[in-house]
PDB file of N, CA and C in Angstrom:
ATOM      1  N   MET A   1       0.835  -1.179   0.000  1.00  0.00           N
ATOM      2  CA  MET A   1       0.000   0.000   0.000  1.00  0.00           C
ATOM      3  C   MET A   1       0.878   1.240   0.000  1.00  0.00           C
ATOM      4  N   THR A   2       0.384   2.249  -0.627  1.00  0.00           N
ATOM      5  CA  THR A   2       1.127   3.496  -0.680  1.00  0.00           C
ATOM      6  C   THR A   2       0.791   4.357   0.537  1.00  0.00           C
ATOM      7  N   LYS A   3       1.558   5.414   0.686  1.00  0.00           N
ATOM      8  CA  LYS A   3       1.328   6.334   1.805  1.00  0.00           C
ATOM      9  C   LYS A   3      -0.059   6.960   1.705  1.00  0.00           C
ATOM     10  N   ARG A   4      -0.472   7.274   0.494  1.00  0.00           N
ATOM     11  CA  ARG A   4      -1.799   7.867   0.275  1.00  0.00           C
ATOM     12  C   ARG A   4      -2.895   6.891   0.693  1.00  0.00           C
ATOM     13  N   ALA A   5      -2.701   5.617   0.415  1.00  0.00           N
ATOM     14  CA  ALA A   5      -3.687   4.598   0.783  1.00  0.00           C
ATOM     15  C   ALA A   5      -3.813   4.488   2.297  1.00  0.00           C
ATOM     16  N   TYR A   6      -2.689   4.540   2.999  1.00  0.00           N
ATOM     17  CA  TYR A   6      -2.725   4.492   4.469  1.00  0.00           C
ATOM     18  C   TYR A   6      -3.449   5.713   5.035  1.00  0.00           C
ATOM     19  N   ILE A   7      -3.228   6.853   4.439  1.00  0.00           N
ATOM     20  CA  ILE A   7      -3.872   8.082   4.921  1.00  0.00           C
ATOM     21  C   ILE A   7      -5.385   8.006   4.716  1.00  0.00           C
ATOM     22  N   ILE A   8      -5.804   7.579   3.538  1.00  0.00           N
ATOM     23  CA  ILE A   8      -7.238   7.487   3.255  1.00  0.00           C
ATOM     24  C   ILE A   8      -7.904   6.467   4.171  1.00  0.00           C
ATOM     25  N   THR A   9      -7.274   5.321   4.356  1.00  0.00           N
ATOM     26  CA  THR A   9      -7.829   4.301   5.242  1.00  0.00           C
ATOM     27  C   THR A   9      -7.850   4.796   6.682  1.00  0.00           C
ATOM     28  N   GLY A  10      -6.805   5.491   7.100  1.00  0.00           N
ATOM     29  CA  GLY A  10      -6.757   6.048   8.458  1.00  0.00           C
ATOM     30  C   GLY A  10      -7.859   7.064   8.704  1.00  0.00           C
ATOM     31  N   ILE A  11      -8.114   7.903   7.720  1.00  0.00           N
ATOM     32  CA  ILE A  11      -9.207   8.874   7.843  1.00  0.00           C
ATOM     33  C   ILE A  11     -10.541   8.137   7.968  1.00  0.00           C
ATOM     34  N   GLY A  12     -10.695   7.069   7.202  1.00  0.00           N
ATOM     35  CA  GLY A  12     -11.913   6.270   7.285  1.00  0.00           C
ATOM     36  C   GLY A  12     -12.100   5.644   8.650  1.00  0.00           C
ATOM     37  N   ILE A  13     -11.009   5.174   9.238  1.00  0.00           N
ATOM     38  CA  ILE A  13     -11.083   4.584  10.576  1.00  0.00           C
ATOM     39  C   ILE A  13     -11.497   5.637  11.591  1.00  0.00           C
ATOM     40  N   ILE A  14     -10.903   6.814  11.507  1.00  0.00           N
ATOM     41  CA  ILE A  14     -11.241   7.883  12.452  1.00  0.00           C
ATOM     42  C   ILE A  14     -12.701   8.298  12.309  1.00  0.00           C
ATOM     43  N   VAL A  15     -13.156   8.467  11.068  1.00  0.00           N
ATOM     44  CA  VAL A  15     -14.561   8.822  10.832  1.00  0.00           C
ATOM     45  C   VAL A  15     -15.472   7.719  11.372  1.00  0.00           C
ATOM     46  N   GLY A  16     -15.097   6.467  11.133  1.00  0.00           N
ATOM     47  CA  GLY A  16     -15.889   5.341  11.621  1.00  0.00           C
ATOM     48  C   GLY A  16     -15.929   5.258  13.132  1.00  0.00           C
ATOM     49  N   LEU A  17     -14.805   5.534  13.789  1.00  0.00           N
ATOM     50  CA  LEU A  17     -14.772   5.529  15.251  1.00  0.00           C
ATOM     51  C   LEU A  17     -15.733   6.567  15.823  1.00  0.00           C
ATOM     52  N   ILE A  18     -15.687   7.740  15.243  1.00  0.00           N
ATOM     53  CA  ILE A  18     -16.575   8.818  15.698  1.00  0.00           C
ATOM     54  C   ILE A  18     -18.031   8.446  15.438  1.00  0.00           C
ATOM     55  N   ALA A  19     -18.313   7.935  14.241  1.00  0.00           N
ATOM     56  CA  ALA A  19     -19.688   7.560  13.896  1.00  0.00           C
ATOM     57  C   ALA A  19     -20.189   6.425  14.782  1.00  0.00           C
ATOM     58  N   GLY A  20     -19.325   5.458  15.068  1.00  0.00           N
ATOM     59  CA  GLY A  20     -19.713   4.346  15.932  1.00  0.00           C
ATOM     60  C   GLY A  20     -20.053   4.805  17.331  1.00  0.00           C
ATOM     61  N   TYR A  21     -19.249   5.702  17.867  1.00  0.00           N
ATOM     62  CA  TYR A  21     -19.536   6.211  19.215  1.00  0.00           C
ATOM     63  C   TYR A  21     -20.808   7.051  19.215  1.00  0.00           C
ATOM     64  N   LEU A  22     -20.978   7.885  18.206  1.00  0.00           N
ATOM     65  CA  LEU A  22     -22.197   8.691  18.124  1.00  0.00           C
ATOM     66  C   LEU A  22     -23.435   7.808  17.983  1.00  0.00           C
ATOM     67  N   TYR A  23     -23.301   6.711  17.261  1.00  0.00           N
ATOM     68  CA  TYR A  23     -24.421   5.790  17.129  1.00  0.00           C
ATOM     69  C   TYR A  23     -24.772   5.200  18.497  1.00  0.00           C
ATOM     70  N   TYR A  24     -23.739   4.806  19.244  1.00  0.00           N
ATOM     71  CA  TYR A  24     -23.983   4.281  20.597  1.00  0.00           C
ATOM     72  C   TYR A  24     -24.641   5.341  21.466  1.00  0.00           C
ATOM     73  N   GLN A  25     -24.146   6.547  21.390  1.00  0.00           N
ATOM     74  CA  GLN A  25     -24.620   7.637  22.241  1.00  0.00           C
ATOM     75  C   GLN A  25     -26.062   8.023  21.929  1.00  0.00           C
ATOM     76  N   GLU A  26     -26.398   8.124  20.652  1.00  0.00           N
ATOM     77  CA  GLU A  26     -27.709   8.614  20.252  1.00  0.00           C
ATOM     78  C   GLU A  26     -28.763   7.511  20.129  1.00  0.00           C
ATOM     79  N   ILE A  27     -28.379   6.351  19.624  1.00  0.00           N
ATOM     80  CA  ILE A  27     -29.352   5.285  19.381  1.00  0.00           C
ATOM     81  C   ILE A  27     -29.128   4.137  20.367  1.00  0.00           C
ATOM     82  N   GLY A  28     -27.938   3.550  20.312  1.00  0.00           N
ATOM     83  CA  GLY A  28     -27.552   2.519  21.263  1.00  0.00           C
ATOM     84  C   GLY A  28     -28.534   1.378  21.416  1.00  0.00           C
ATOM     85  N   CYS A  29     -28.412   0.689  22.544  1.00  0.00           N
ATOM     86  CA  CYS A  29     -29.266  -0.448  22.849  1.00  0.00           C
ATOM     87  C   CYS A  29     -29.742  -0.285  24.284  1.00  0.00           C
ATOM     88  N   VAL A  30     -31.004  -0.062  24.462  1.00  0.00           N
ATOM     89  CA  VAL A  30     -31.568   0.222  25.784  1.00  0.00           C
ATOM     90  C   VAL A  30     -31.528  -1.003  26.685  1.00  0.00           C
ATOM     91  N   THR A  31     -31.811  -2.180  26.134  1.00  0.00           N
ATOM     92  CA  THR A  31     -31.912  -3.385  26.959  1.00  0.00           C
ATOM     93  C   THR A  31     -30.560  -3.975  27.318  1.00  0.00           C
ATOM     94  N   GLY A  32     -29.527  -3.700  26.550  1.00  0.00           N
ATOM     95  CA  GLY A  32     -28.203  -4.249  26.821  1.00  0.00           C
ATOM     96  C   GLY A  32     -27.988  -5.613  26.213  1.00  0.00           C
ATOM     97  N   THR A  33     -28.906  -6.091  25.406  1.00  0.00           N
ATOM     98  CA  THR A  33     -28.768  -7.411  24.799  1.00  0.00           C
ATOM     99  C   THR A  33     -28.138  -7.376  23.411  1.00  0.00           C
ATOM    100  N   CYS A  34     -27.964  -6.207  22.859  1.00  0.00           N
ATOM    101  CA  CYS A  34     -27.359  -6.079  21.529  1.00  0.00           C
ATOM    102  C   CYS A  34     -25.845  -6.252  21.657  1.00  0.00           C
ATOM    103  N   ALA A  35     -25.277  -7.113  20.831  1.00  0.00           N
ATOM    104  CA  ALA A  35     -23.851  -7.432  20.941  1.00  0.00           C
ATOM    105  C   ALA A  35     -22.956  -6.238  20.616  1.00  0.00           C
ATOM    106  N   ILE A  36     -23.314  -5.474  19.611  1.00  0.00           N
ATOM    107  CA  ILE A  36     -22.436  -4.389  19.171  1.00  0.00           C
ATOM    108  C   ILE A  36     -22.751  -3.083  19.885  1.00  0.00           C
ATOM    109  N   THR A  37     -23.998  -2.738  19.997  1.00  0.00           N
ATOM    110  CA  THR A  37     -24.350  -1.409  20.498  1.00  0.00           C
ATOM    111  C   THR A  37     -24.625  -1.341  21.993  1.00  0.00           C
ATOM    112  N   SER A  38     -24.397  -2.431  22.717  1.00  0.00           N
ATOM    113  CA  SER A  38     -24.665  -2.386  24.149  1.00  0.00           C
ATOM    114  C   SER A  38     -23.535  -1.718  24.934  1.00  0.00           C
ATOM    115  N   LYS A  39     -22.330  -1.726  24.384  1.00  0.00           N
ATOM    116  CA  LYS A  39     -21.173  -1.108  25.050  1.00  0.00           C
ATOM    117  C   LYS A  39     -20.525  -0.114  24.093  1.00  0.00           C
ATOM    118  N   PRO A  40     -20.058   1.002  24.627  1.00  0.00           N
ATOM    119  CA  PRO A  40     -19.463   2.007  23.725  1.00  0.00           C
ATOM    120  C   PRO A  40     -18.201   1.515  23.019  1.00  0.00           C
ATOM    121  N   ILE A  41     -17.394   0.685  23.671  1.00  0.00           N
ATOM    122  CA  ILE A  41     -16.158   0.218  23.035  1.00  0.00           C
ATOM    123  C   ILE A  41     -16.468  -0.669  21.839  1.00  0.00           C
ATOM    124  N   ASN A  42     -17.478  -1.533  21.968  1.00  0.00           N
ATOM    125  CA  ASN A  42     -17.854  -2.405  20.849  1.00  0.00           C
ATOM    126  C   ASN A  42     -18.358  -1.586  19.667  1.00  0.00           C
ATOM    127  N   SER A  43     -19.222  -0.656  19.934  1.00  0.00           N
ATOM    128  CA  SER A  43     -19.799   0.171  18.880  1.00  0.00           C
ATOM    129  C   SER A  43     -18.727   1.031  18.208  1.00  0.00           C
ATOM    130  N   THR A  44     -17.819   1.578  18.999  1.00  0.00           N
ATOM    131  CA  THR A  44     -16.753   2.424  18.463  1.00  0.00           C
ATOM    132  C   THR A  44     -15.798   1.623  17.592  1.00  0.00           C
ATOM    133  N   LEU A  45     -15.377   0.454  18.053  1.00  0.00           N
ATOM    134  CA  LEU A  45     -14.452  -0.374  17.276  1.00  0.00           C
ATOM    135  C   LEU A  45     -15.105  -0.897  15.996  1.00  0.00           C
ATOM    136  N   TYR A  46     -16.354  -1.285  16.090  1.00  0.00           N
ATOM    137  CA  TYR A  46     -17.072  -1.750  14.897  1.00  0.00           C
ATOM    138  C   TYR A  46     -17.198  -0.614  13.874  1.00  0.00           C
ATOM    139  N   GLY A  47     -17.499   0.570  14.344  1.00  0.00           N
ATOM    140  CA  GLY A  47     -17.573   1.721  13.452  1.00  0.00           C
ATOM    141  C   GLY A  47     -16.240   2.005  12.791  1.00  0.00           C
ATOM    142  N   GLY A  48     -15.155   1.893  13.550  1.00  0.00           N
ATOM    143  CA  GLY A  48     -13.824   2.098  12.981  1.00  0.00           C
ATOM    144  C   GLY A  48     -13.494   1.072  11.916  1.00  0.00           C
ATOM    145  N   LEU A  49     -13.850  -0.177  12.162  1.00  0.00           N
ATOM    146  CA  LEU A  49     -13.618  -1.232  11.180  1.00  0.00           C
ATOM    147  C   LEU A  49     -14.404  -0.969   9.904  1.00  0.00           C
ATOM    148  N   MET A  50     -15.675  -0.638  10.056  1.00  0.00           N
ATOM    149  CA  MET A  50     -16.514  -0.382   8.887  1.00  0.00           C
ATOM    150  C   MET A  50     -16.064   0.870   8.127  1.00  0.00           C
ATOM    151  N   GLY A  51     -15.657   1.908   8.869  1.00  0.00           N
ATOM    152  CA  GLY A  51     -15.158   3.123   8.219  1.00  0.00           C
ATOM    153  C   GLY A  51     -13.884   2.867   7.445  1.00  0.00           C
ATOM    154  N   GLY A  52     -12.973   2.098   8.028  1.00  0.00           N
ATOM    155  CA  GLY A  52     -11.735   1.757   7.331  1.00  0.00           C
ATOM    156  C   GLY A  52     -11.987   0.960   6.066  1.00  0.00           C
ATOM    157  N   LEU A  53     -12.891  -0.003   6.153  1.00  0.00           N
ATOM    158  CA  LEU A  53     -13.225  -0.801   4.973  1.00  0.00           C
ATOM    159  C   LEU A  53     -13.903   0.038   3.898  1.00  0.00           C
ATOM    160  N   LEU A  54     -14.805   0.907   4.322  1.00  0.00           N
ATOM    161  CA  LEU A  54     -15.518   1.750   3.366  1.00  0.00           C
ATOM    162  C   LEU A  54     -14.568   2.696   2.639  1.00  0.00           C
ATOM    163  N   PHE A  55     -13.724   3.374   3.379  1.00  0.00           N
ATOM    164  CA  PHE A  55     -12.805   4.337   2.750  1.00  0.00           C
ATOM    165  C   PHE A  55     -11.732   3.621   1.936  1.00  0.00           C
ATOM    166  N   ASN A  56     -11.422   2.377   2.290  1.00  0.00           N
ATOM    167  CA  ASN A  56     -10.420   1.619   1.550  1.00  0.00           C
ATOM    168  C   ASN A  56     -10.919   1.279   0.142  1.00  0.00           C
ATOM    169  N   LEU A  57     -12.221   1.328  -0.070  1.00  0.00           N
ATOM    170  CA  LEU A  57     -12.766   1.107  -1.411  1.00  0.00           C
ATOM    171  C   LEU A  57     -12.324   2.187  -2.388  1.00  0.00           C
ATOM    172  N   PHE A  58     -11.989   3.365  -1.878  1.00  0.00           N
ATOM    173  CA  PHE A  58     -11.617   4.492  -2.731  1.00  0.00           C
ATOM    174  C   PHE A  58     -10.120   4.574  -3.000  1.00  0.00           C
ATOM    175  N   VAL A  59      -9.365   3.587  -2.547  1.00  0.00           N
ATOM    176  CA  VAL A  59      -7.920   3.551  -2.779  1.00  0.00           C
ATOM    177  C   VAL A  59      -7.668   2.791  -4.072  1.00  0.00           C
ATOM    178  N   SER A  60      -6.923   3.401  -4.963  1.00  0.00           N
ATOM    179  CA  SER A  60      -6.612   2.729  -6.222  1.00  0.00           C
ATOM    180  C   SER A  60      -5.338   1.903  -6.059  1.00  0.00           C
ATOM    181  N   ASN A  61      -5.291   0.803  -6.762  1.00  0.00           N
ATOM    182  CA  ASN A  61      -4.151  -0.099  -6.703  1.00  0.00           C
ATOM    183  C   ASN A  61      -3.157   0.285  -7.797  1.00  0.00           C
ATOM    184  N   PRO A  62      -1.920   0.687  -7.433  1.00  0.00           N
ATOM    185  CA  PRO A  62      -0.955   1.114  -8.461  1.00  0.00           C
ATOM    186  C   PRO A  62      -0.583  -0.015  -9.421  1.00  0.00           C
ATOM    187  N   LYS A  63      -0.547  -1.273  -8.953  1.00  0.00           N
ATOM    188  CA  LYS A  63      -0.216  -2.391  -9.832  1.00  0.00           C
ATOM    189  C   LYS A  63      -1.306  -2.594 -10.874  1.00  0.00           C
ATOM    190  N   LYS A  64      -2.543  -2.388 -10.463  1.00  0.00           N
ATOM    191  CA  LYS A  64      -3.657  -2.532 -11.383  1.00  0.00           C
ATOM    192  C   LYS A  64      -3.590  -1.463 -12.470  1.00  0.00           C
ATOM    193  N   LYS A  65      -3.207  -0.241 -12.087  1.00  0.00           N
ATOM    194  CA  LYS A  65      -3.082   0.845 -13.061  1.00  0.00           C
ATOM    195  C   LYS A  65      -1.984   0.537 -14.077  1.00  0.00           C
ATOM    196  N   GLU A  66      -0.839   0.011 -13.583  1.00  0.00           N
ATOM    197  CA  GLU A  66       0.272  -0.313 -14.473  1.00  0.00           C
ATOM    198  C   GLU A  66      -0.141  -1.392 -15.473  1.00  0.00           C
ATOM    199  N   LYS A  67      -0.837  -2.405 -14.996  1.00  0.00           N
ATOM    200  CA  LYS A  67      -1.274  -3.489 -15.849  1.00  0.00           C
ATOM    201  C   LYS A  67      -2.262  -2.984 -16.901  1.00  0.00           C
ATOM    202  N   GLN A  68      -3.159  -2.092 -16.491  1.00  0.00           N
ATOM    203  CA  GLN A  68      -4.140  -1.544 -17.411  1.00  0.00           C
ATOM    204  C   GLN A  68      -3.455  -0.678 -18.464  1.00  0.00           C
ATOM    205  N   ASN A  69      -2.448   0.110 -18.061  1.00  0.00           N
ATOM    206  CA  ASN A  69      -1.709   0.938 -19.016  1.00  0.00           C
ATOM    207  C   ASN A  69      -0.964   0.074 -20.030  1.00  0.00           C
ATOM    208  N   GLU A  70      -0.408  -1.064 -19.598  1.00  0.00           N
ATOM    209  CA  GLU A  70       0.296  -1.965 -20.515  1.00  0.00           C
ATOM    210  C   GLU A  70      -0.677  -2.554 -21.531  1.00  0.00           C
ATOM    211  N   GLN A  71      -1.885  -2.874 -21.095  1.00  0.00           N
ATOM    212  CA  GLN A  71      -2.868  -3.441 -21.997  1.00  0.00           C
ATOM    213  C   GLN A  71      -3.369  -2.415 -23.008  1.00  0.00           C
ATOM    214  N   ASP A  72      -3.431  -1.150 -22.592  1.00  0.00           N
ATOM    215  CA  ASP A  72      -3.905  -0.091 -23.476  1.00  0.00           C
ATOM    216  C   ASP A  72      -2.910   0.203 -24.584  1.00  0.00           C
ATOM    217  N   ASN A  73      -1.620  -0.018 -24.338  1.00  0.00           N
ATOM    218  CA  ASN A  73      -0.582   0.297 -25.329  1.00  0.00           C
ATOM    219  C   ASN A  73      -0.423  -0.807 -26.289  1.00  0.00           C
TER     220      ASN A  73
END
C-alpha cells in the first residue's frame, strides 16, 4: 500500500470511530442485549472497522493501473 492509501484508510477509521460512538450515544441499545451497540467500546471499534473498509474502497491499486496501461498500449 502506498502512503496515500494508508492516509485514506486512516481517515476512514477515524470517521468510523466517531460515527460508531455517536451511534452508541444517540441510538444505542436500551436493553443491553445487543452485541455491538450495548457497550461504547464495541460500537466504536465496529464503526472504525466499517469506516476503514468503506474508505479503503476508494484507494486505487498502483499495480492494477500499471497493468491496465500496458494493456492499453
